[in-house]
Amino acid sequence: MDVEELYRRYAAGDRDFQGVDLSHANLNVAKVRYLEDLQPGQNELSGINLSGANLTSANLTYVNLSGANLSSANLKFAELSCTVLTGADLRKAILDYAQLGCDLIDVDLREATLFGTVLIGTNLTRSNLMGAKFQVMTEESGIIFCDTIMPDGTINSKKWPERNRFNY
């Protein structure tokens, strides 16, 4: 499946794209550079089911994936800067070496892997990281935890300092 077909089927009401191969795809079809430039309906994939999808090295910048099911998806090396992921399901997702410059508010990241992942000003408020495996590097600004369930089950409410490496 290509990106054009995905957006065409999504516009027609289809939401189930479980296991689709979109590796190396550019889903930023509107080619926006700032969220405020995004017009209603552009790069809109909220509520989509991409569970088990191959999104290796995909460009998901400025794509609205709020409420999306990305459980067990392979997002290795994916670009997720300014991606809207509020309320998304990323359980058991592979986010190794991904670029996550987005808010991950109310996101389910249980048992996800984030090795070598770069988090740039990422907000993990109320996210669930229970059982997630981490080795991440923050850049530019820290990571915000507010009522975040950490991999060991503790609840964390603090900001990590700039340029900090941490493991779980």
N, C-alpha and C. Protein backbone atom coordinates (compact mmCIF):
# COMPACT_ATOMS: atom_id res chain seq x y z
N MET A 1 0.84 -1.18 0.00
CA MET A 1 0.00 0.00 0.00
C MET A 1 0.88 1.24 0.00
N ASP A 2 0.48 2.25 -0.73
CA ASP A 2 1.23 3.51 -0.72
C ASP A 2 0.45 4.55 0.08
N VAL A 3 1.07 5.68 0.32
CA VAL A 3 0.50 6.73 1.15
C VAL A 3 -0.77 7.30 0.53
N GLU A 4 -0.79 7.47 -0.77
CA GLU A 4 -1.97 8.01 -1.45
C GLU A 4 -3.19 7.12 -1.21
N GLU A 5 -3.00 5.82 -1.33
CA GLU A 5 -4.10 4.89 -1.10
C GLU A 5 -4.55 4.92 0.35
N LEU A 6 -3.60 5.02 1.29
CA LEU A 6 -3.93 5.10 2.70
C LEU A 6 -4.84 6.29 2.98
N TYR A 7 -4.44 7.47 2.52
CA TYR A 7 -5.23 8.68 2.75
C TYR A 7 -6.58 8.61 2.02
N ARG A 8 -6.60 8.05 0.84
CA ARG A 8 -7.87 7.92 0.09
C ARG A 8 -8.84 7.02 0.84
N ARG A 9 -8.36 5.87 1.31
CA ARG A 9 -9.22 4.94 2.04
C ARG A 9 -9.63 5.52 3.39
N TYR A 10 -8.72 6.26 4.05
CA TYR A 10 -9.04 6.91 5.32
C TYR A 10 -10.16 7.93 5.10
N ALA A 11 -10.05 8.73 4.05
CA ALA A 11 -11.08 9.74 3.74
C ALA A 11 -12.43 9.09 3.45
N ALA A 12 -12.40 7.85 2.93
CA ALA A 12 -13.64 7.12 2.64
C ALA A 12 -14.21 6.44 3.88
N GLY A 13 -13.52 6.57 5.02
CA GLY A 13 -14.03 6.03 6.28
C GLY A 13 -13.34 4.78 6.79
N ASP A 14 -12.42 4.23 6.03
CA ASP A 14 -11.69 3.04 6.48
C ASP A 14 -10.70 3.47 7.55
N ARG A 15 -10.64 2.73 8.67
CA ARG A 15 -9.70 3.04 9.74
C ARG A 15 -8.79 1.87 10.06
N ASP A 16 -9.04 0.69 9.51
CA ASP A 16 -8.28 -0.50 9.85
C ASP A 16 -7.19 -0.78 8.82
N PHE A 17 -5.96 -0.48 9.21
CA PHE A 17 -4.80 -0.71 8.35
C PHE A 17 -3.77 -1.55 9.10
N GLN A 18 -4.27 -2.49 9.86
CA GLN A 18 -3.44 -3.35 10.68
C GLN A 18 -2.42 -4.09 9.83
N GLY A 19 -1.14 -4.03 10.26
CA GLY A 19 -0.07 -4.77 9.61
C GLY A 19 0.40 -4.21 8.27
N VAL A 20 -0.05 -3.04 7.89
CA VAL A 20 0.34 -2.45 6.60
C VAL A 20 1.84 -2.12 6.59
N ASP A 21 2.46 -2.18 5.43
CA ASP A 21 3.87 -1.83 5.29
C ASP A 21 3.99 -0.43 4.69
N LEU A 22 4.39 0.51 5.54
CA LEU A 22 4.61 1.89 5.11
C LEU A 22 6.04 2.32 5.45
N SER A 23 6.96 1.35 5.39
CA SER A 23 8.35 1.67 5.69
C SER A 23 8.87 2.70 4.69
N HIS A 24 9.60 3.67 5.20
CA HIS A 24 10.21 4.75 4.41
C HIS A 24 9.19 5.68 3.77
N ALA A 25 7.92 5.58 4.16
CA ALA A 25 6.87 6.43 3.58
C ALA A 25 6.89 7.82 4.21
N ASN A 26 6.48 8.82 3.45
CA ASN A 26 6.34 10.18 3.95
C ASN A 26 4.85 10.46 4.10
N LEU A 27 4.36 10.45 5.34
CA LEU A 27 2.94 10.68 5.58
C LEU A 27 2.60 12.15 5.77
N ASN A 28 3.60 13.02 5.71
CA ASN A 28 3.37 14.47 5.78
C ASN A 28 3.02 14.94 4.37
N VAL A 29 1.84 14.55 3.90
CA VAL A 29 1.46 14.86 2.52
C VAL A 29 1.19 16.34 2.29
N ALA A 30 0.82 17.06 3.37
CA ALA A 30 0.57 18.49 3.23
C ALA A 30 1.87 19.28 3.22
N LYS A 31 2.98 18.62 3.58
CA LYS A 31 4.32 19.23 3.59
C LYS A 31 4.37 20.52 4.41
N VAL A 32 3.71 20.48 5.59
CA VAL A 32 3.72 21.65 6.46
C VAL A 32 5.01 21.70 7.26
N ARG A 33 5.35 22.88 7.74
CA ARG A 33 6.56 23.05 8.54
C ARG A 33 6.26 23.44 9.97
N TYR A 34 5.06 23.90 10.23
CA TYR A 34 4.66 24.30 11.57
C TYR A 34 3.23 23.84 11.79
N LEU A 35 2.92 23.41 13.01
CA LEU A 35 1.56 22.92 13.30
C LEU A 35 0.50 23.97 12.98
N GLU A 36 0.82 25.23 13.20
CA GLU A 36 -0.18 26.26 12.91
C GLU A 36 -0.46 26.40 11.41
N ASP A 37 0.42 25.87 10.56
CA ASP A 37 0.19 25.89 9.12
C ASP A 37 -0.70 24.74 8.65
N LEU A 38 -0.97 23.81 9.53
CA LEU A 38 -1.78 22.64 9.17
C LEU A 38 -3.25 23.05 9.08
N GLN A 39 -3.85 22.82 7.94
CA GLN A 39 -5.26 23.14 7.72
C GLN A 39 -6.12 21.95 8.14
N PRO A 40 -7.36 22.18 8.54
CA PRO A 40 -8.24 21.08 8.94
C PRO A 40 -8.31 20.00 7.86
N GLY A 41 -8.13 18.77 8.29
CA GLY A 41 -8.20 17.64 7.35
C GLY A 41 -6.88 17.24 6.74
N GLN A 42 -5.88 18.11 6.79
CA GLN A 42 -4.58 17.77 6.22
C GLN A 42 -3.81 16.87 7.19
N ASN A 43 -3.16 15.87 6.66
CA ASN A 43 -2.37 14.94 7.46
C ASN A 43 -3.20 14.34 8.60
N GLU A 44 -4.48 14.15 8.38
CA GLU A 44 -5.41 13.67 9.39
C GLU A 44 -5.54 12.15 9.35
N LEU A 45 -5.08 11.50 10.44
CA LEU A 45 -5.21 10.05 10.57
C LEU A 45 -5.61 9.68 12.00
N SER A 46 -6.35 10.56 12.67
CA SER A 46 -6.74 10.27 14.05
C SER A 46 -7.64 9.04 14.09
N GLY A 47 -7.45 8.23 15.14
CA GLY A 47 -8.26 7.05 15.33
C GLY A 47 -7.94 5.88 14.41
N ILE A 48 -6.90 5.99 13.62
CA ILE A 48 -6.52 4.93 12.68
C ILE A 48 -5.94 3.72 13.41
N ASN A 49 -6.14 2.54 12.86
CA ASN A 49 -5.55 1.32 13.42
C ASN A 49 -4.35 0.94 12.56
N LEU A 50 -3.16 1.18 13.09
CA LEU A 50 -1.91 0.79 12.44
C LEU A 50 -1.16 -0.21 13.30
N SER A 51 -1.91 -1.00 14.07
CA SER A 51 -1.27 -1.98 14.94
C SER A 51 -0.49 -2.99 14.09
N GLY A 52 0.71 -3.28 14.54
CA GLY A 52 1.56 -4.22 13.83
C GLY A 52 2.10 -3.70 12.51
N ALA A 53 1.90 -2.44 12.21
CA ALA A 53 2.35 -1.86 10.94
C ALA A 53 3.87 -1.69 10.92
N ASN A 54 4.44 -1.75 9.73
CA ASN A 54 5.86 -1.48 9.55
C ASN A 54 5.99 -0.02 9.12
N LEU A 55 6.44 0.82 10.06
CA LEU A 55 6.64 2.24 9.80
C LEU A 55 8.11 2.60 9.98
N THR A 56 8.98 1.63 9.70
CA THR A 56 10.42 1.85 9.82
C THR A 56 10.84 3.01 8.92
N SER A 57 11.55 3.95 9.50
CA SER A 57 12.08 5.12 8.79
C SER A 57 10.99 5.96 8.13
N ALA A 58 9.76 5.87 8.60
CA ALA A 58 8.67 6.67 8.05
C ALA A 58 8.74 8.10 8.58
N ASN A 59 8.29 9.05 7.77
CA ASN A 59 8.19 10.44 8.17
C ASN A 59 6.75 10.70 8.59
N LEU A 60 6.54 10.88 9.90
CA LEU A 60 5.21 11.13 10.44
C LEU A 60 5.10 12.55 11.00
N THR A 61 5.99 13.45 10.55
CA THR A 61 5.95 14.82 11.06
C THR A 61 4.64 15.49 10.65
N TYR A 62 4.08 16.23 11.61
CA TYR A 62 2.86 16.99 11.42
C TYR A 62 1.66 16.12 11.02
N VAL A 63 1.65 14.86 11.43
CA VAL A 63 0.52 13.98 11.17
C VAL A 63 -0.29 13.87 12.46
N ASN A 64 -1.61 13.98 12.36
CA ASN A 64 -2.48 13.83 13.52
C ASN A 64 -2.81 12.35 13.70
N LEU A 65 -2.18 11.74 14.71
CA LEU A 65 -2.41 10.33 15.04
C LEU A 65 -3.04 10.22 16.44
N SER A 66 -3.78 11.24 16.85
CA SER A 66 -4.41 11.19 18.17
C SER A 66 -5.40 10.03 18.20
N GLY A 67 -5.36 9.29 19.31
CA GLY A 67 -6.24 8.14 19.46
C GLY A 67 -5.93 6.98 18.55
N ALA A 68 -4.80 7.00 17.87
CA ALA A 68 -4.44 5.93 16.94
C ALA A 68 -3.98 4.68 17.68
N ASN A 69 -4.19 3.54 17.06
CA ASN A 69 -3.68 2.27 17.59
C ASN A 69 -2.40 1.94 16.83
N LEU A 70 -1.27 2.12 17.50
CA LEU A 70 0.04 1.81 16.94
C LEU A 70 0.70 0.70 17.76
N SER A 71 -0.10 -0.09 18.43
CA SER A 71 0.45 -1.17 19.26
C SER A 71 1.21 -2.15 18.38
N SER A 72 2.35 -2.57 18.88
CA SER A 72 3.24 -3.52 18.19
C SER A 72 3.72 -3.03 16.83
N ALA A 73 3.59 -1.73 16.56
CA ALA A 73 4.08 -1.17 15.30
C ALA A 73 5.60 -1.01 15.37
N ASN A 74 6.25 -1.15 14.23
CA ASN A 74 7.69 -0.93 14.14
C ASN A 74 7.93 0.49 13.65
N LEU A 75 8.37 1.35 14.57
CA LEU A 75 8.65 2.76 14.27
C LEU A 75 10.14 3.05 14.40
N LYS A 76 10.95 2.04 14.17
CA LYS A 76 12.39 2.19 14.26
C LYS A 76 12.86 3.24 13.25
N PHE A 77 13.66 4.19 13.71
CA PHE A 77 14.21 5.28 12.91
C PHE A 77 13.14 6.23 12.36
N ALA A 78 11.91 6.17 12.84
CA ALA A 78 10.84 7.04 12.35
C ALA A 78 11.04 8.48 12.85
N GLU A 79 10.54 9.41 12.08
CA GLU A 79 10.59 10.84 12.43
C GLU A 79 9.19 11.24 12.89
N LEU A 80 9.09 11.58 14.19
CA LEU A 80 7.79 11.94 14.78
C LEU A 80 7.82 13.34 15.38
N SER A 81 8.53 14.26 14.76
CA SER A 81 8.55 15.64 15.24
C SER A 81 7.22 16.31 14.94
N CYS A 82 6.66 16.95 15.95
CA CYS A 82 5.38 17.65 15.82
C CYS A 82 4.23 16.73 15.40
N THR A 83 4.36 15.46 15.69
CA THR A 83 3.28 14.51 15.44
C THR A 83 2.31 14.59 16.61
N VAL A 84 1.02 14.55 16.33
CA VAL A 84 0.01 14.59 17.39
C VAL A 84 -0.31 13.15 17.76
N LEU A 85 0.05 12.76 18.99
CA LEU A 85 -0.14 11.38 19.45
C LEU A 85 -0.98 11.30 20.72
N THR A 86 -1.68 12.35 21.08
CA THR A 86 -2.47 12.36 22.30
C THR A 86 -3.42 11.17 22.34
N GLY A 87 -3.35 10.40 23.43
CA GLY A 87 -4.24 9.27 23.62
C GLY A 87 -3.94 8.07 22.73
N ALA A 88 -2.79 8.04 22.09
CA ALA A 88 -2.46 6.93 21.19
C ALA A 88 -2.04 5.69 21.97
N ASP A 89 -2.23 4.53 21.34
CA ASP A 89 -1.84 3.25 21.92
C ASP A 89 -0.54 2.81 21.24
N LEU A 90 0.56 2.85 21.99
CA LEU A 90 1.86 2.43 21.48
C LEU A 90 2.41 1.26 22.29
N ARG A 91 1.49 0.44 22.84
CA ARG A 91 1.93 -0.73 23.59
C ARG A 91 2.78 -1.64 22.71
N LYS A 92 3.91 -2.06 23.25
CA LYS A 92 4.84 -2.97 22.58
C LYS A 92 5.37 -2.43 21.25
N ALA A 93 5.26 -1.13 21.03
CA ALA A 93 5.80 -0.53 19.81
C ALA A 93 7.33 -0.47 19.89
N ILE A 94 7.97 -0.54 18.75
CA ILE A 94 9.42 -0.42 18.66
C ILE A 94 9.72 0.99 18.19
N LEU A 95 10.31 1.78 19.08
CA LEU A 95 10.63 3.18 18.78
C LEU A 95 12.14 3.40 18.83
N ASP A 96 12.91 2.36 18.59
CA ASP A 96 14.37 2.46 18.65
C ASP A 96 14.88 3.46 17.61
N TYR A 97 15.72 4.37 18.07
CA TYR A 97 16.38 5.38 17.23
C TYR A 97 15.40 6.34 16.56
N ALA A 98 14.18 6.40 17.04
CA ALA A 98 13.20 7.34 16.50
C ALA A 98 13.48 8.74 17.04
N GLN A 99 12.99 9.75 16.33
CA GLN A 99 13.07 11.14 16.75
C GLN A 99 11.68 11.54 17.24
N LEU A 100 11.54 11.75 18.55
CA LEU A 100 10.24 12.06 19.14
C LEU A 100 10.23 13.48 19.66
N GLY A 101 9.95 14.43 18.83
CA GLY A 101 9.82 15.82 19.24
C GLY A 101 8.35 16.18 19.31
N CYS A 102 7.60 15.48 20.17
CA CYS A 102 6.15 15.67 20.21
C CYS A 102 5.64 15.40 21.61
N ASP A 103 4.42 15.79 21.86
CA ASP A 103 3.78 15.49 23.14
C ASP A 103 3.26 14.07 23.11
N LEU A 104 3.52 13.35 24.19
CA LEU A 104 3.03 11.98 24.35
C LEU A 104 2.08 11.96 25.56
N ILE A 105 1.13 12.86 25.55
CA ILE A 105 0.19 13.00 26.66
C ILE A 105 -0.87 11.91 26.58
N ASP A 106 -1.09 11.23 27.73
CA ASP A 106 -2.08 10.15 27.82
C ASP A 106 -1.79 9.01 26.85
N VAL A 107 -0.53 8.75 26.55
CA VAL A 107 -0.13 7.70 25.61
C VAL A 107 0.22 6.43 26.37
N ASP A 108 -0.22 5.31 25.83
CA ASP A 108 0.07 4.00 26.41
C ASP A 108 1.34 3.46 25.75
N LEU A 109 2.43 3.46 26.50
CA LEU A 109 3.72 2.97 26.01
C LEU A 109 4.17 1.72 26.78
N ARG A 110 3.23 0.99 27.35
CA ARG A 110 3.59 -0.20 28.11
C ARG A 110 4.36 -1.18 27.22
N GLU A 111 5.48 -1.64 27.74
CA GLU A 111 6.34 -2.63 27.09
C GLU A 111 6.91 -2.18 25.74
N ALA A 112 6.90 -0.88 25.48
CA ALA A 112 7.52 -0.36 24.26
C ALA A 112 9.04 -0.35 24.44
N THR A 113 9.78 -0.34 23.33
CA THR A 113 11.23 -0.22 23.41
C THR A 113 11.65 1.12 22.81
N LEU A 114 12.53 1.80 23.53
CA LEU A 114 13.01 3.12 23.12
C LEU A 114 14.52 3.17 23.29
N PHE A 115 15.25 2.38 22.54
CA PHE A 115 16.71 2.36 22.62
C PHE A 115 17.27 3.37 21.62
N GLY A 116 18.12 4.27 22.12
CA GLY A 116 18.72 5.27 21.25
C GLY A 116 17.73 6.30 20.75
N THR A 117 16.58 6.38 21.37
CA THR A 117 15.53 7.31 20.96
C THR A 117 15.87 8.71 21.44
N VAL A 118 15.65 9.70 20.59
CA VAL A 118 15.90 11.09 20.95
C VAL A 118 14.56 11.74 21.29
N LEU A 119 14.48 12.25 22.52
CA LEU A 119 13.28 12.94 22.97
C LEU A 119 13.62 14.42 23.09
N ILE A 120 13.02 15.23 22.27
CA ILE A 120 13.31 16.67 22.26
C ILE A 120 12.09 17.40 22.81
N GLY A 121 12.19 17.89 24.03
CA GLY A 121 11.08 18.62 24.64
C GLY A 121 9.81 17.80 24.70
N THR A 122 9.93 16.53 25.05
CA THR A 122 8.79 15.63 25.04
C THR A 122 8.04 15.68 26.37
N ASN A 123 6.71 15.76 26.26
CA ASN A 123 5.85 15.81 27.43
C ASN A 123 5.16 14.45 27.56
N LEU A 124 5.46 13.74 28.64
CA LEU A 124 4.89 12.41 28.88
C LEU A 124 3.84 12.45 29.99
N THR A 125 3.11 13.54 30.10
CA THR A 125 2.09 13.68 31.13
C THR A 125 1.05 12.57 31.04
N ARG A 126 0.80 11.92 32.17
CA ARG A 126 -0.19 10.85 32.33
C ARG A 126 0.03 9.66 31.39
N SER A 127 1.22 9.50 30.86
CA SER A 127 1.51 8.35 30.00
C SER A 127 1.87 7.15 30.85
N ASN A 128 1.69 5.97 30.29
CA ASN A 128 1.99 4.72 30.99
C ASN A 128 3.19 4.06 30.33
N LEU A 129 4.31 4.02 31.06
CA LEU A 129 5.55 3.43 30.57
C LEU A 129 5.86 2.10 31.26
N MET A 130 4.87 1.52 31.91
CA MET A 130 5.07 0.28 32.67
C MET A 130 5.70 -0.79 31.78
N GLY A 131 6.86 -1.30 32.20
CA GLY A 131 7.54 -2.36 31.46
C GLY A 131 8.28 -1.90 30.21
N ALA A 132 8.27 -0.61 29.92
CA ALA A 132 8.99 -0.11 28.75
C ALA A 132 10.49 -0.23 28.96
N LYS A 133 11.21 -0.40 27.88
CA LYS A 133 12.67 -0.51 27.94
C LYS A 133 13.26 0.74 27.30
N PHE A 134 14.08 1.45 28.09
CA PHE A 134 14.61 2.75 27.70
C PHE A 134 16.11 2.79 27.60
N GLN A 135 16.59 3.53 26.67
CA GLN A 135 17.91 4.14 26.68
C GLN A 135 17.74 5.31 25.75
N VAL A 136 17.43 6.47 26.31
CA VAL A 136 17.12 7.63 25.49
C VAL A 136 18.08 8.77 25.81
N MET A 137 18.14 9.70 24.90
CA MET A 137 18.97 10.88 25.05
C MET A 137 18.09 12.09 24.84
N THR A 138 18.05 12.99 25.82
CA THR A 138 17.29 14.22 25.63
C THR A 138 18.20 15.26 25.02
N GLU A 139 17.62 16.13 24.25
CA GLU A 139 18.37 17.22 23.65
C GLU A 139 17.57 18.50 23.75
N GLU A 140 18.26 19.61 23.77
CA GLU A 140 17.69 20.94 23.78
C GLU A 140 16.88 21.22 25.03
N SER A 141 15.81 20.51 25.26
CA SER A 141 15.05 20.70 26.49
C SER A 141 14.70 19.34 27.05
N GLY A 142 14.40 19.33 28.32
CA GLY A 142 14.19 18.07 29.03
C GLY A 142 12.87 17.40 28.73
N ILE A 143 12.68 16.29 29.43
CA ILE A 143 11.47 15.50 29.31
C ILE A 143 10.59 15.85 30.51
N ILE A 144 9.31 16.03 30.26
CA ILE A 144 8.37 16.36 31.32
C ILE A 144 7.58 15.12 31.70
N PHE A 145 7.64 14.77 32.98
CA PHE A 145 6.83 13.70 33.53
C PHE A 145 5.85 14.34 34.51
N CYS A 146 4.59 14.12 34.36
CA CYS A 146 3.59 14.61 35.30
C CYS A 146 2.55 13.51 35.44
N ASP A 147 2.53 12.87 36.61
CA ASP A 147 1.66 11.72 36.84
C ASP A 147 1.91 10.63 35.80
N THR A 148 3.17 10.45 35.44
CA THR A 148 3.58 9.44 34.48
C THR A 148 3.92 8.15 35.20
N ILE A 149 3.38 7.04 34.73
CA ILE A 149 3.71 5.74 35.30
C ILE A 149 5.01 5.28 34.64
N MET A 150 6.05 5.15 35.46
CA MET A 150 7.38 4.79 34.98
C MET A 150 7.48 3.28 34.77
N PRO A 151 8.53 2.81 34.08
CA PRO A 151 8.67 1.38 33.79
C PRO A 151 8.62 0.47 35.02
N ASP A 152 9.09 0.98 36.16
CA ASP A 152 9.08 0.17 37.37
C ASP A 152 7.78 0.29 38.16
N GLY A 153 6.81 1.02 37.64
CA GLY A 153 5.50 1.16 38.29
C GLY A 153 5.37 2.37 39.19
N THR A 154 6.46 3.08 39.43
CA THR A 154 6.37 4.30 40.25
C THR A 154 5.76 5.43 39.42
N ILE A 155 5.23 6.41 40.12
CA ILE A 155 4.66 7.57 39.44
C ILE A 155 5.64 8.72 39.60
N ASN A 156 6.01 9.32 38.48
CA ASN A 156 7.02 10.36 38.47
C ASN A 156 6.38 11.69 38.07
N SER A 157 6.81 12.75 38.70
CA SER A 157 6.30 14.09 38.39
C SER A 157 7.45 15.10 38.42
N LYS A 158 8.35 15.00 37.47
CA LYS A 158 9.43 15.98 37.42
C LYS A 158 9.94 16.13 35.99
N LYS A 159 10.75 17.15 35.80
CA LYS A 159 11.37 17.39 34.50
C LYS A 159 12.80 16.91 34.57
N TRP A 160 13.21 16.13 33.58
CA TRP A 160 14.59 15.67 33.53
C TRP A 160 15.46 16.80 33.01
N PRO A 161 16.68 16.92 33.50
CA PRO A 161 17.55 18.01 33.05
C PRO A 161 17.95 17.87 31.58
N GLU A 162 18.39 18.97 31.05
CA GLU A 162 18.83 18.97 29.66
C GLU A 162 20.02 18.04 29.45
N ARG A 163 20.08 17.48 28.26
CA ARG A 163 21.18 16.60 27.85
C ARG A 163 21.44 15.49 28.86
N ASN A 164 20.42 14.79 29.20
CA ASN A 164 20.51 13.74 30.20
C ASN A 164 20.27 12.38 29.53
N ARG A 165 21.08 11.39 29.86
CA ARG A 165 20.87 10.04 29.38
C ARG A 165 20.34 9.22 30.54
N PHE A 166 19.28 8.49 30.31
CA PHE A 166 18.80 7.62 31.37
C PHE A 166 18.34 6.29 30.78
N ASN A 167 18.40 5.28 31.63
CA ASN A 167 18.08 3.92 31.22
C ASN A 167 17.02 3.34 32.16
N TYR A 168 16.22 2.45 31.62
CA TYR A 168 15.28 1.65 32.41
C TYR A 168 15.30 0.26 31.87
